[in-house]
Amino acid sequence: TNPFTNKGVVWDGNNPIHRDEFDQNFYRGPDDDELDGAI
């Protein structure tokens, strides 16, 4: 969240991942082992 606008930092939070109209499908990515615990 952007602390100045209280909206998301990407497209003001209007993202497919936050929309009920979209079924969400998570997959392991190519860099999962490197990213594990990084963020």
PDB file of all heavy atoms in Angstrom:
ATOM      1  N   THR A   1       0.837  -1.202   0.000  1.00  0.00           N
ATOM      2  CA  THR A   1       0.000   0.000   0.000  1.00  0.00           C
ATOM      3  C   THR A   1       0.865   1.244   0.000  1.00  0.00           C
ATOM      4  O   THR A   1       1.829   1.340   0.756  1.00  0.00           O
ATOM      5  CB  THR A   1      -0.910   0.016   1.246  1.00  0.00           C
ATOM      6  OG1 THR A   1      -1.712  -1.164   1.246  1.00  0.00           O
ATOM      7  CG2 THR A   1      -1.809   1.233   1.263  1.00  0.00           C
ATOM      8  N   ASN A   2       0.511   2.207  -0.844  1.00  0.00           N
ATOM      9  CA  ASN A   2       1.182   3.497  -0.872  1.00  0.00           C
ATOM     10  C   ASN A   2       0.748   4.266   0.373  1.00  0.00           C
ATOM     11  O   ASN A   2      -0.441   4.523   0.559  1.00  0.00           O
ATOM     12  CB  ASN A   2       0.772   4.251  -2.144  1.00  0.00           C
ATOM     13  CG  ASN A   2       1.419   5.605  -2.264  1.00  0.00           C
ATOM     14  OD1 ASN A   2       1.668   6.294  -1.284  1.00  0.00           O
ATOM     15  ND2 ASN A   2       1.678   6.006  -3.490  1.00  0.00           N
ATOM     16  N   PRO A   3       1.678   4.655   1.244  1.00  0.00           N
ATOM     17  CA  PRO A   3       1.297   5.325   2.491  1.00  0.00           C
ATOM     18  C   PRO A   3       0.686   6.709   2.283  1.00  0.00           C
ATOM     19  O   PRO A   3       0.011   7.224   3.173  1.00  0.00           O
ATOM     20  CB  PRO A   3       2.606   5.414   3.267  1.00  0.00           C
ATOM     21  CG  PRO A   3       3.676   5.334   2.243  1.00  0.00           C
ATOM     22  CD  PRO A   3       3.123   4.484   1.130  1.00  0.00           C
ATOM     23  N   PHE A   4       0.880   7.310   1.125  1.00  0.00           N
ATOM     24  CA  PHE A   4       0.337   8.646   0.866  1.00  0.00           C
ATOM     25  C   PHE A   4      -1.093   8.603   0.325  1.00  0.00           C
ATOM     26  O   PHE A   4      -1.887   9.495   0.588  1.00  0.00           O
ATOM     27  CB  PHE A   4       1.237   9.414  -0.105  1.00  0.00           C
ATOM     28  CG  PHE A   4       2.633   9.590   0.429  1.00  0.00           C
ATOM     29  CD1 PHE A   4       3.674   8.835  -0.074  1.00  0.00           C
ATOM     30  CD2 PHE A   4       2.894  10.493   1.447  1.00  0.00           C
ATOM     31  CE1 PHE A   4       4.959   8.981   0.422  1.00  0.00           C
ATOM     32  CE2 PHE A   4       4.174  10.643   1.961  1.00  0.00           C
ATOM     33  CZ  PHE A   4       5.215   9.894   1.441  1.00  0.00           C
ATOM     34  N   THR A   5      -1.406   7.565  -0.459  1.00  0.00           N
ATOM     35  CA  THR A   5      -2.738   7.479  -1.070  1.00  0.00           C
ATOM     36  C   THR A   5      -3.623   6.411  -0.431  1.00  0.00           C
ATOM     37  O   THR A   5      -4.825   6.384  -0.684  1.00  0.00           O
ATOM     38  CB  THR A   5      -2.623   7.160  -2.570  1.00  0.00           C
ATOM     39  OG1 THR A   5      -2.037   5.858  -2.722  1.00  0.00           O
ATOM     40  CG2 THR A   5      -1.804   8.207  -3.304  1.00  0.00           C
ATOM     41  N   ASN A   6      -3.013   5.520   0.358  1.00  0.00           N
ATOM     42  CA  ASN A   6      -3.713   4.363   0.931  1.00  0.00           C
ATOM     43  C   ASN A   6      -4.298   3.453  -0.143  1.00  0.00           C
ATOM     44  O   ASN A   6      -5.261   2.741   0.087  1.00  0.00           O
ATOM     45  CB  ASN A   6      -4.788   4.783   1.932  1.00  0.00           C
ATOM     46  CG  ASN A   6      -4.186   5.261   3.224  1.00  0.00           C
ATOM     47  OD1 ASN A   6      -3.134   4.782   3.640  1.00  0.00           O
ATOM     48  ND2 ASN A   6      -4.829   6.221   3.849  1.00  0.00           N
ATOM     49  N   LYS A   7      -3.721   3.501  -1.334  1.00  0.00           N
ATOM     50  CA  LYS A   7      -4.091   2.602  -2.419  1.00  0.00           C
ATOM     51  C   LYS A   7      -2.888   1.731  -2.726  1.00  0.00           C
ATOM     52  O   LYS A   7      -1.783   2.001  -2.281  1.00  0.00           O
ATOM     53  CB  LYS A   7      -4.505   3.393  -3.665  1.00  0.00           C
ATOM     54  CG  LYS A   7      -5.756   4.223  -3.478  1.00  0.00           C
ATOM     55  CD  LYS A   7      -6.106   4.939  -4.755  1.00  0.00           C
ATOM     56  CE  LYS A   7      -7.369   5.748  -4.583  1.00  0.00           C
ATOM     57  NZ  LYS A   7      -7.746   6.420  -5.832  1.00  0.00           N
ATOM     58  N   GLY A   8      -3.092   0.719  -3.524  1.00  0.00           N
ATOM     59  CA  GLY A   8      -1.985  -0.141  -3.910  1.00  0.00           C
ATOM     60  C   GLY A   8      -0.942   0.609  -4.716  1.00  0.00           C
ATOM     61  O   GLY A   8      -1.262   1.592  -5.389  1.00  0.00           O
ATOM     62  N   VAL A   9       0.301   0.141  -4.659  1.00  0.00           N
ATOM     63  CA  VAL A   9       1.369   0.817  -5.386  1.00  0.00           C
ATOM     64  C   VAL A   9       1.388   0.454  -6.872  1.00  0.00           C
ATOM     65  O   VAL A   9       1.997   1.157  -7.661  1.00  0.00           O
ATOM     66  CB  VAL A   9       2.762   0.558  -4.762  1.00  0.00           C
ATOM     67  CG1 VAL A   9       2.845   1.117  -3.368  1.00  0.00           C
ATOM     68  CG2 VAL A   9       3.103  -0.917  -4.766  1.00  0.00           C
ATOM     69  N   VAL A  10       0.717  -0.619  -7.255  1.00  0.00           N
ATOM     70  CA  VAL A  10       0.635  -1.028  -8.658  1.00  0.00           C
ATOM     71  C   VAL A  10      -0.807  -0.840  -9.112  1.00  0.00           C
ATOM     72  O   VAL A  10      -1.725  -1.455  -8.577  1.00  0.00           O
ATOM     73  CB  VAL A  10       1.066  -2.498  -8.844  1.00  0.00           C
ATOM     74  CG1 VAL A  10       0.947  -2.920 -10.305  1.00  0.00           C
ATOM     75  CG2 VAL A  10       2.480  -2.726  -8.333  1.00  0.00           C
ATOM     76  N   TRP A  11      -1.018   0.060 -10.064  1.00  0.00           N
ATOM     77  CA  TRP A  11      -2.354   0.350 -10.616  1.00  0.00           C
ATOM     78  C   TRP A  11      -3.333   0.720  -9.506  1.00  0.00           C
ATOM     79  O   TRP A  11      -4.500   0.341  -9.546  1.00  0.00           O
ATOM     80  CB  TRP A  11      -2.880  -0.830 -11.427  1.00  0.00           C
ATOM     81  CG  TRP A  11      -2.303  -0.941 -12.805  1.00  0.00           C
ATOM     82  CD1 TRP A  11      -1.078  -1.446 -13.140  1.00  0.00           C
ATOM     83  CD2 TRP A  11      -2.912  -0.542 -14.026  1.00  0.00           C
ATOM     84  NE1 TRP A  11      -0.899  -1.387 -14.492  1.00  0.00           N
ATOM     85  CE2 TRP A  11      -2.019  -0.834 -15.059  1.00  0.00           C
ATOM     86  CE3 TRP A  11      -4.124   0.035 -14.340  1.00  0.00           C
ATOM     87  CZ2 TRP A  11      -2.296  -0.570 -16.386  1.00  0.00           C
ATOM     88  CZ3 TRP A  11      -4.403   0.292 -15.662  1.00  0.00           C
ATOM     89  CH2 TRP A  11      -3.494  -0.013 -16.673  1.00  0.00           C
ATOM     90  N   ASP A  12      -2.884   1.406  -8.501  1.00  0.00           N
ATOM     91  CA  ASP A  12      -3.724   1.817  -7.360  1.00  0.00           C
ATOM     92  C   ASP A  12      -4.432   0.641  -6.707  1.00  0.00           C
ATOM     93  O   ASP A  12      -5.493   0.786  -6.109  1.00  0.00           O
ATOM     94  CB  ASP A  12      -4.759   2.866  -7.780  1.00  0.00           C
ATOM     95  CG  ASP A  12      -4.136   4.220  -8.072  1.00  0.00           C
ATOM     96  OD1 ASP A  12      -3.046   4.505  -7.526  1.00  0.00           O
ATOM     97  OD2 ASP A  12      -4.738   4.999  -8.835  1.00  0.00           O
ATOM     98  N   GLY A  13      -3.840  -0.545  -6.803  1.00  0.00           N
ATOM     99  CA  GLY A  13      -4.424  -1.736  -6.192  1.00  0.00           C
ATOM    100  C   GLY A  13      -5.501  -2.407  -7.024  1.00  0.00           C
ATOM    101  O   GLY A  13      -6.106  -3.383  -6.593  1.00  0.00           O
ATOM    102  N   ASN A  14      -5.738  -1.903  -8.228  1.00  0.00           N
ATOM    103  CA  ASN A  14      -6.751  -2.491  -9.104  1.00  0.00           C
ATOM    104  C   ASN A  14      -6.068  -3.543  -9.980  1.00  0.00           C
ATOM    105  O   ASN A  14      -5.768  -3.312 -11.145  1.00  0.00           O
ATOM    106  CB  ASN A  14      -7.425  -1.402  -9.952  1.00  0.00           C
ATOM    107  CG  ASN A  14      -8.696  -1.890 -10.592  1.00  0.00           C
ATOM    108  OD1 ASN A  14      -9.270  -2.897 -10.187  1.00  0.00           O
ATOM    109  ND2 ASN A  14      -9.142  -1.183 -11.607  1.00  0.00           N
ATOM    110  N   ASN A  15      -5.798  -4.709  -9.380  1.00  0.00           N
ATOM    111  CA  ASN A  15      -5.051  -5.781 -10.024  1.00  0.00           C
ATOM    112  C   ASN A  15      -5.917  -7.033 -10.136  1.00  0.00           C
ATOM    113  O   ASN A  15      -6.758  -7.279  -9.270  1.00  0.00           O
ATOM    114  CB  ASN A  15      -3.807  -6.134  -9.206  1.00  0.00           C
ATOM    115  CG  ASN A  15      -3.104  -4.922  -8.664  1.00  0.00           C
ATOM    116  OD1 ASN A  15      -3.181  -4.663  -7.467  1.00  0.00           O
ATOM    117  ND2 ASN A  15      -2.443  -4.169  -9.504  1.00  0.00           N
ATOM    118  N   PRO A  16      -5.704  -7.860 -11.160  1.00  0.00           N
ATOM    119  CA  PRO A  16      -6.480  -9.096 -11.269  1.00  0.00           C
ATOM    120  C   PRO A  16      -6.416  -9.963 -10.006  1.00  0.00           C
ATOM    121  O   PRO A  16      -7.394 -10.611  -9.658  1.00  0.00           O
ATOM    122  CB  PRO A  16      -5.845  -9.811 -12.464  1.00  0.00           C
ATOM    123  CG  PRO A  16      -5.319  -8.709 -13.313  1.00  0.00           C
ATOM    124  CD  PRO A  16      -4.832  -7.671 -12.330  1.00  0.00           C
ATOM    125  N   ILE A  17      -5.290  -9.932  -9.314  1.00  0.00           N
ATOM    126  CA  ILE A  17      -5.153 -10.773  -8.125  1.00  0.00           C
ATOM    127  C   ILE A  17      -6.066 -10.311  -6.979  1.00  0.00           C
ATOM    128  O   ILE A  17      -6.374 -11.069  -6.069  1.00  0.00           O
ATOM    129  CB  ILE A  17      -3.671 -10.846  -7.677  1.00  0.00           C
ATOM    130  CG1 ILE A  17      -3.448 -12.089  -6.842  1.00  0.00           C
ATOM    131  CG2 ILE A  17      -3.244  -9.585  -6.970  1.00  0.00           C
ATOM    132  CD1 ILE A  17      -2.015 -12.450  -6.655  1.00  0.00           C
ATOM    133  N   HIS A  18      -6.533  -9.075  -7.049  1.00  0.00           N
ATOM    134  CA  HIS A  18      -7.425  -8.542  -6.020  1.00  0.00           C
ATOM    135  C   HIS A  18      -8.877  -8.460  -6.478  1.00  0.00           C
ATOM    136  O   HIS A  18      -9.707  -7.912  -5.764  1.00  0.00           O
ATOM    137  CB  HIS A  18      -6.965  -7.138  -5.599  1.00  0.00           C
ATOM    138  CG  HIS A  18      -5.618  -7.131  -4.963  1.00  0.00           C
ATOM    139  ND1 HIS A  18      -5.356  -7.732  -3.766  1.00  0.00           N
ATOM    140  CD2 HIS A  18      -4.446  -6.598  -5.378  1.00  0.00           C
ATOM    141  CE1 HIS A  18      -4.086  -7.566  -3.457  1.00  0.00           C
ATOM    142  NE2 HIS A  18      -3.510  -6.888  -4.426  1.00  0.00           N
ATOM    143  N   ARG A  19      -9.174  -8.963  -7.646  1.00  0.00           N
ATOM    144  CA  ARG A  19     -10.532  -8.868  -8.194  1.00  0.00           C
ATOM    145  C   ARG A  19     -11.246 -10.204  -8.042  1.00  0.00           C
ATOM    146  O   ARG A  19     -10.732 -11.253  -8.441  1.00  0.00           O
ATOM    147  CB  ARG A  19     -10.487  -8.482  -9.679  1.00  0.00           C
ATOM    148  CG  ARG A  19      -9.851  -7.131  -9.995  1.00  0.00           C
ATOM    149  CD  ARG A  19     -10.691  -5.971  -9.548  1.00  0.00           C
ATOM    150  NE  ARG A  19     -12.002  -5.977 -10.160  1.00  0.00           N
ATOM    151  CZ  ARG A  19     -12.457  -5.016 -10.948  1.00  0.00           C
ATOM    152  NH1 ARG A  19     -11.713  -3.960 -11.216  1.00  0.00           N
ATOM    153  NH2 ARG A  19     -13.665  -5.100 -11.456  1.00  0.00           N
ATOM    154  N   ASP A  20     -12.443 -10.166  -7.484  1.00  0.00           N
ATOM    155  CA  ASP A  20     -13.228 -11.382  -7.283  1.00  0.00           C
ATOM    156  C   ASP A  20     -13.633 -12.047  -8.593  1.00  0.00           C
ATOM    157  O   ASP A  20     -13.944 -13.235  -8.617  1.00  0.00           O
ATOM    158  CB  ASP A  20     -14.488 -11.074  -6.471  1.00  0.00           C
ATOM    159  CG  ASP A  20     -14.173 -10.714  -5.030  1.00  0.00           C
ATOM    160  OD1 ASP A  20     -13.104 -11.110  -4.522  1.00  0.00           O
ATOM    161  OD2 ASP A  20     -14.999 -10.023  -4.412  1.00  0.00           O
ATOM    162  N   GLU A  21     -13.644 -11.288  -9.689  1.00  0.00           N
ATOM    163  CA  GLU A  21     -14.047 -11.850 -10.978  1.00  0.00           C
ATOM    164  C   GLU A  21     -13.035 -12.863 -11.515  1.00  0.00           C
ATOM    165  O   GLU A  21     -13.358 -13.663 -12.384  1.00  0.00           O
ATOM    166  CB  GLU A  21     -14.202 -10.737 -12.031  1.00  0.00           C
ATOM    167  CG  GLU A  21     -15.257  -9.721 -11.712  1.00  0.00           C
ATOM    168  CD  GLU A  21     -14.737  -8.530 -10.906  1.00  0.00           C
ATOM    169  OE1 GLU A  21     -13.555  -8.529 -10.516  1.00  0.00           O
ATOM    170  OE2 GLU A  21     -15.521  -7.609 -10.677  1.00  0.00           O
ATOM    171  N   PHE A  22     -11.812 -12.824 -11.009  1.00  0.00           N
ATOM    172  CA  PHE A  22     -10.740 -13.686 -11.505  1.00  0.00           C
ATOM    173  C   PHE A  22     -10.521 -14.880 -10.586  1.00  0.00           C
ATOM    174  O   PHE A  22     -10.312 -14.710  -9.386  1.00  0.00           O
ATOM    175  CB  PHE A  22      -9.421 -12.907 -11.598  1.00  0.00           C
ATOM    176  CG  PHE A  22      -9.375 -11.921 -12.721  1.00  0.00           C
ATOM    177  CD1 PHE A  22      -9.906 -10.642 -12.565  1.00  0.00           C
ATOM    178  CD2 PHE A  22      -8.792 -12.248 -13.939  1.00  0.00           C
ATOM    179  CE1 PHE A  22      -9.862  -9.718 -13.595  1.00  0.00           C
ATOM    180  CE2 PHE A  22      -8.738 -11.333 -14.977  1.00  0.00           C
ATOM    181  CZ  PHE A  22      -9.285 -10.066 -14.804  1.00  0.00           C
ATOM    182  N   ASP A  23     -10.553 -16.089 -11.154  1.00  0.00           N
ATOM    183  CA  ASP A  23     -10.084 -17.264 -10.431  1.00  0.00           C
ATOM    184  C   ASP A  23      -8.577 -17.137 -10.321  1.00  0.00           C
ATOM    185  O   ASP A  23      -7.912 -16.770 -11.297  1.00  0.00           O
ATOM    186  CB  ASP A  23     -10.428 -18.559 -11.175  1.00  0.00           C
ATOM    187  CG  ASP A  23     -11.910 -18.861 -11.168  1.00  0.00           C
ATOM    188  OD1 ASP A  23     -12.599 -18.475 -10.208  1.00  0.00           O
ATOM    189  OD2 ASP A  23     -12.368 -19.495 -12.139  1.00  0.00           O
ATOM    190  N   GLN A  24      -8.027 -17.424  -9.151  1.00  0.00           N
ATOM    191  CA  GLN A  24      -6.592 -17.269  -8.928  1.00  0.00           C
ATOM    192  C   GLN A  24      -5.888 -18.618  -9.018  1.00  0.00           C
ATOM    193  O   GLN A  24      -6.342 -19.596  -8.422  1.00  0.00           O
ATOM    194  CB  GLN A  24      -6.329 -16.633  -7.559  1.00  0.00           C
ATOM    195  CG  GLN A  24      -7.008 -15.296  -7.372  1.00  0.00           C
ATOM    196  CD  GLN A  24      -6.525 -14.245  -8.352  1.00  0.00           C
ATOM    197  OE1 GLN A  24      -5.367 -14.216  -8.741  1.00  0.00           O
ATOM    198  NE2 GLN A  24      -7.435 -13.369  -8.762  1.00  0.00           N
ATOM    199  N   ASN A  25      -4.791 -18.665  -9.758  1.00  0.00           N
ATOM    200  CA  ASN A  25      -4.028 -19.891  -9.967  1.00  0.00           C
ATOM    201  C   ASN A  25      -2.555 -19.607  -9.734  1.00  0.00           C
ATOM    202  O   ASN A  25      -1.911 -18.964 -10.557  1.00  0.00           O
ATOM    203  CB  ASN A  25      -4.245 -20.399 -11.395  1.00  0.00           C
ATOM    204  CG  ASN A  25      -5.707 -20.646 -11.688  1.00  0.00           C
ATOM    205  OD1 ASN A  25      -6.233 -21.670 -11.323  1.00  0.00           O
ATOM    206  ND2 ASN A  25      -6.364 -19.686 -12.314  1.00  0.00           N
ATOM    207  N   PHE A  26      -2.020 -20.080  -8.596  1.00  0.00           N
ATOM    208  CA  PHE A  26      -0.624 -19.858  -8.236  1.00  0.00           C
ATOM    209  C   PHE A  26       0.214 -21.034  -8.715  1.00  0.00           C
ATOM    210  O   PHE A  26      -0.164 -22.191  -8.543  1.00  0.00           O
ATOM    211  CB  PHE A  26      -0.500 -19.701  -6.718  1.00  0.00           C
ATOM    212  CG  PHE A  26       0.911 -19.714  -6.231  1.00  0.00           C
ATOM    213  CD1 PHE A  26       1.723 -18.613  -6.395  1.00  0.00           C
ATOM    214  CD2 PHE A  26       1.435 -20.832  -5.611  1.00  0.00           C
ATOM    215  CE1 PHE A  26       3.027 -18.613  -5.951  1.00  0.00           C
ATOM    216  CE2 PHE A  26       2.743 -20.850  -5.163  1.00  0.00           C
ATOM    217  CZ  PHE A  26       3.541 -19.738  -5.339  1.00  0.00           C
ATOM    218  N   TYR A  27       1.365 -20.733  -9.306  1.00  0.00           N
ATOM    219  CA  TYR A  27       2.289 -21.761  -9.783  1.00  0.00           C
ATOM    220  C   TYR A  27       3.680 -21.470  -9.249  1.00  0.00           C
ATOM    221  O   TYR A  27       4.037 -20.321  -9.003  1.00  0.00           O
ATOM    222  CB  TYR A  27       2.335 -21.773 -11.325  1.00  0.00           C
ATOM    223  CG  TYR A  27       1.006 -22.111 -11.939  1.00  0.00           C
ATOM    224  CD1 TYR A  27       0.092 -21.120 -12.267  1.00  0.00           C
ATOM    225  CD2 TYR A  27       0.661 -23.436 -12.164  1.00  0.00           C
ATOM    226  CE1 TYR A  27      -1.143 -21.443 -12.814  1.00  0.00           C
ATOM    227  CE2 TYR A  27      -0.565 -23.764 -12.711  1.00  0.00           C
ATOM    228  CZ  TYR A  27      -1.462 -22.760 -13.029  1.00  0.00           C
ATOM    229  OH  TYR A  27      -2.682 -23.082 -13.567  1.00  0.00           O
ATOM    230  N   ARG A  28       4.472 -22.517  -9.086  1.00  0.00           N
ATOM    231  CA  ARG A  28       5.877 -22.305  -8.718  1.00  0.00           C
ATOM    232  C   ARG A  28       6.565 -21.615  -9.886  1.00  0.00           C
ATOM    233  O   ARG A  28       6.348 -21.955 -11.033  1.00  0.00           O
ATOM    234  CB  ARG A  28       6.571 -23.620  -8.402  1.00  0.00           C
ATOM    235  CG  ARG A  28       6.138 -24.151  -7.035  1.00  0.00           C
ATOM    236  CD  ARG A  28       7.006 -25.277  -6.525  1.00  0.00           C
ATOM    237  NE  ARG A  28       8.432 -24.992  -6.494  1.00  0.00           N
ATOM    238  CZ  ARG A  28       9.073 -24.325  -5.528  1.00  0.00           C
ATOM    239  NH1 ARG A  28       8.403 -23.822  -4.534  1.00  0.00           N
ATOM    240  NH2 ARG A  28      10.370 -24.164  -5.568  1.00  0.00           N
ATOM    241  N   GLY A  29       7.391 -20.627  -9.581  1.00  0.00           N
ATOM    242  CA  GLY A  29       8.076 -19.864 -10.608  1.00  0.00           C
ATOM    243  C   GLY A  29       9.503 -20.325 -10.827  1.00  0.00           C
ATOM    244  O   GLY A  29      10.035 -21.150 -10.082  1.00  0.00           O
ATOM    245  N   PRO A  30      10.143 -19.778 -11.846  1.00  0.00           N
ATOM    246  CA  PRO A  30      11.494 -20.191 -12.203  1.00  0.00           C
ATOM    247  C   PRO A  30      12.541 -19.817 -11.163  1.00  0.00           C
ATOM    248  O   PRO A  30      13.611 -20.428 -11.126  1.00  0.00           O
ATOM    249  CB  PRO A  30      11.755 -19.466 -13.529  1.00  0.00           C
ATOM    250  CG  PRO A  30      10.831 -18.296 -13.502  1.00  0.00           C
ATOM    251  CD  PRO A  30       9.626 -18.736 -12.732  1.00  0.00           C
ATOM    252  N   ASP A  31      12.261 -18.836 -10.314  1.00  0.00           N
ATOM    253  CA  ASP A  31      13.252 -18.379  -9.347  1.00  0.00           C
ATOM    254  C   ASP A  31      12.832 -18.643  -7.903  1.00  0.00           C
ATOM    255  O   ASP A  31      13.349 -18.019  -6.983  1.00  0.00           O
ATOM    256  CB  ASP A  31      13.512 -16.878  -9.533  1.00  0.00           C
ATOM    257  CG  ASP A  31      14.056 -16.562 -10.914  1.00  0.00           C
ATOM    258  OD1 ASP A  31      14.958 -17.298 -11.364  1.00  0.00           O
ATOM    259  OD2 ASP A  31      13.578 -15.605 -11.538  1.00  0.00           O
ATOM    260  N   ASP A  32      11.899 -19.564  -7.677  1.00  0.00           N
ATOM    261  CA  ASP A  32      11.402 -19.804  -6.323  1.00  0.00           C
ATOM    262  C   ASP A  32      12.505 -20.170  -5.328  1.00  0.00           C
ATOM    263  O   ASP A  32      12.506 -19.689  -4.206  1.00  0.00           O
ATOM    264  CB  ASP A  32      10.332 -20.887  -6.316  1.00  0.00           C
ATOM    265  CG  ASP A  32       8.987 -20.365  -6.775  1.00  0.00           C
ATOM    266  OD1 ASP A  32       8.900 -19.172  -7.123  1.00  0.00           O
ATOM    267  OD2 ASP A  32       8.026 -21.142  -6.789  1.00  0.00           O
ATOM    268  N   ASP A  33      13.451 -21.004  -5.749  1.00  0.00           N
ATOM    269  CA  ASP A  33      14.518 -21.396  -4.823  1.00  0.00           C
ATOM    270  C   ASP A  33      15.379 -20.203  -4.431  1.00  0.00           C
ATOM    271  O   ASP A  33      15.769 -20.064  -3.278  1.00  0.00           O
ATOM    272  CB  ASP A  33      15.384 -22.495  -5.430  1.00  0.00           C
ATOM    273  CG  ASP A  33      14.626 -23.807  -5.580  1.00  0.00           C
ATOM    274  OD1 ASP A  33      13.645 -24.016  -4.825  1.00  0.00           O
ATOM    275  OD2 ASP A  33      14.994 -24.597  -6.454  1.00  0.00           O
ATOM    276  N   GLU A  34      15.662 -19.305  -5.366  1.00  0.00           N
ATOM    277  CA  GLU A  34      16.475 -18.129  -5.067  1.00  0.00           C
ATOM    278  C   GLU A  34      15.703 -17.104  -4.244  1.00  0.00           C
ATOM    279  O   GLU A  34      16.257 -16.391  -3.433  1.00  0.00           O
ATOM    280  CB  GLU A  34      16.984 -17.460  -6.356  1.00  0.00           C
ATOM    281  CG  GLU A  34      18.023 -18.270  -7.101  1.00  0.00           C
ATOM    282  CD  GLU A  34      17.418 -19.380  -7.965  1.00  0.00           C
ATOM    283  OE1 GLU A  34      16.187 -19.403  -8.162  1.00  0.00           O
ATOM    284  OE2 GLU A  34      18.176 -20.240  -8.423  1.00  0.00           O
ATOM    285  N   LEU A  35      14.390 -16.988  -4.490  1.00  0.00           N
ATOM    286  CA  LEU A  35      13.574 -15.999  -3.797  1.00  0.00           C
ATOM    287  C   LEU A  35      13.105 -16.462  -2.424  1.00  0.00           C
ATOM    288  O   LEU A  35      12.664 -15.655  -1.630  1.00  0.00           O
ATOM    289  CB  LEU A  35      12.344 -15.642  -4.637  1.00  0.00           C
ATOM    290  CG  LEU A  35      12.608 -14.856  -5.902  1.00  0.00           C
ATOM    291  CD1 LEU A  35      11.327 -14.734  -6.721  1.00  0.00           C
ATOM    292  CD2 LEU A  35      13.149 -13.478  -5.571  1.00  0.00           C
ATOM    293  N   ASP A  36      13.192 -17.748  -2.143  1.00  0.00           N
ATOM    294  CA  ASP A  36      12.679 -18.279  -0.890  1.00  0.00           C
ATOM    295  C   ASP A  36      13.241 -17.510   0.297  1.00  0.00           C
ATOM    296  O   ASP A  36      14.437 -17.517   0.560  1.00  0.00           O
ATOM    297  CB  ASP A  36      13.012 -19.762  -0.762  1.00  0.00           C
ATOM    298  CG  ASP A  36      12.349 -20.381   0.449  1.00  0.00           C
ATOM    299  OD1 ASP A  36      11.237 -19.946   0.798  1.00  0.00           O
ATOM    300  OD2 ASP A  36      12.948 -21.287   1.048  1.00  0.00           O
ATOM    301  N   GLY A  37      12.370 -16.782   0.969  1.00  0.00           N
ATOM    302  CA  GLY A  37      12.768 -16.017   2.140  1.00  0.00           C
ATOM    303  C   GLY A  37      13.369 -14.660   1.847  1.00  0.00           C
ATOM    304  O   GLY A  37      13.651 -13.900   2.763  1.00  0.00           O
ATOM    305  N   ALA A  38      13.563 -14.308   0.572  1.00  0.00           N
ATOM    306  CA  ALA A  38      14.204 -13.038   0.246  1.00  0.00           C
ATOM    307  C   ALA A  38      13.304 -11.854   0.583  1.00  0.00           C
ATOM    308  O   ALA A  38      13.778 -10.839   1.077  1.00  0.00           O
ATOM    309  CB  ALA A  38      14.581 -12.998  -1.236  1.00  0.00           C
ATOM    310  N   ILE A  39      12.025 -11.956   0.313  1.00  0.00           N
ATOM    311  CA  ILE A  39      11.095 -10.870   0.640  1.00  0.00           C
ATOM    312  C   ILE A  39      10.111 -11.391   1.676  1.00  0.00           C
ATOM    313  O   ILE A  39      10.112 -10.969   2.805  1.00  0.00           O
ATOM    314  CB  ILE A  39      10.358 -10.367  -0.626  1.00  0.00           C
ATOM    315  CG1 ILE A  39      11.378  -9.863  -1.649  1.00  0.00           C
ATOM    316  CG2 ILE A  39       9.386  -9.259  -0.271  1.00  0.00           C
ATOM    317  CD1 ILE A  39      10.779  -9.494  -2.989  1.00  0.00           C
TER     318      ILE A  39
END
